[in-house]
Every structure is written in C-alpha cells, then in structure tokens.
Amino acid sequence: HQGKIGVKFNVGTDDIAIEEVNAIINDGKYHVVRFTRSGGNATLQVDNWPVIERYPA
C-alpha cells in the first residue's frame, strides 16, 4: 500500500474496503489509527487527519 493504511472487512455477502490515502505511515514514527464499524458502515482516521467515512449502498 506504499505507506498508506487500509482496512477490508466482510459483511456476509460483500467485502468492504476503506483507505486513508493522504496520511503516510511508513515514516518510522508512531501513529494513532482509529477504526470503527457498524454493519457495513465504517470510519477510519489516522493521527489528526480528517475521518474517512464509508457507507456502502
């Protein structure tokens, strides 16, 4: 993923993916990653970057 973080999870019939494309995490520093999921809905945040939200159709 070239220094980026993503999560893929299965909701029974589909794989759902969410990725933070702006934050680079392979810089040798510690990072805070927050992931939440409720059914097929998910949020992902790295450090203080904006929260990425995924609400599949």
Protein backbone atom coordinates (compact mmCIF):
# COMPACT_ATOMS: atom_id res chain seq x y z
CA HIS A 1 0.00 0.00 0.00
CA GLN A 2 3.01 2.31 -0.35
CA GLY A 3 2.96 3.69 3.20
CA LYS A 4 -0.80 4.04 3.42
CA ILE A 5 -3.26 2.20 5.65
CA GLY A 6 -6.48 0.49 4.71
CA VAL A 7 -9.00 -1.95 6.15
CA LYS A 8 -11.06 -4.57 4.34
CA PHE A 9 -13.90 -6.42 6.09
CA ASN A 10 -16.65 -8.80 5.05
CA VAL A 11 -20.34 -8.18 5.77
CA GLY A 12 -21.50 -11.63 4.71
CA THR A 13 -22.02 -11.03 1.00
CA ASP A 14 -19.52 -8.31 0.15
CA ASP A 15 -16.03 -7.17 1.05
CA ILE A 16 -15.98 -3.52 2.12
CA ALA A 17 -12.73 -1.52 1.84
CA ILE A 18 -11.78 1.80 3.39
CA GLU A 19 -8.40 3.51 2.94
CA GLU A 20 -6.67 6.68 4.10
CA VAL A 21 -4.83 7.92 1.01
CA ASN A 22 -3.31 11.15 2.37
CA ALA A 23 -1.51 10.08 5.55
CA ILE A 24 1.89 8.41 5.06
CA ILE A 25 2.63 5.94 7.86
CA ASN A 26 5.91 4.29 6.80
CA ASP A 27 8.00 7.19 8.12
CA GLY A 28 9.42 5.40 11.19
CA LYS A 29 7.15 7.32 13.61
CA TYR A 30 4.31 6.13 15.84
CA HIS A 31 0.80 6.83 14.56
CA VAL A 32 -2.69 6.63 16.03
CA VAL A 33 -5.20 4.69 13.93
CA ARG A 34 -8.90 4.72 14.79
CA PHE A 35 -11.27 2.30 13.04
CA THR A 36 -14.97 1.85 13.80
CA ARG A 37 -17.52 -0.39 12.17
CA SER A 38 -21.27 -0.81 12.48
CA GLY A 39 -22.61 -3.31 9.97
CA GLY A 40 -21.30 -2.20 6.58
CA ASN A 41 -20.61 1.36 7.73
CA ALA A 42 -17.06 2.22 8.74
CA THR A 43 -14.83 5.12 9.72
CA LEU A 44 -11.04 5.33 9.60
CA GLN A 45 -8.80 8.07 10.97
CA VAL A 46 -5.01 8.28 11.08
CA ASP A 47 -3.48 10.75 13.55
CA ASN A 48 -5.35 14.07 13.21
CA TRP A 49 -6.25 13.69 9.54
CA PRO A 50 -9.98 14.04 8.73
CA VAL A 51 -12.15 10.99 9.39
CA ILE A 52 -12.81 8.88 6.29
CA GLU A 53 -16.36 7.53 6.22
CA ARG A 54 -17.63 4.58 4.20
CA TYR A 55 -21.36 3.95 3.84
CA PRO A 56 -21.89 1.31 1.14
CA ALA A 57 -25.06 1.42 -0.94
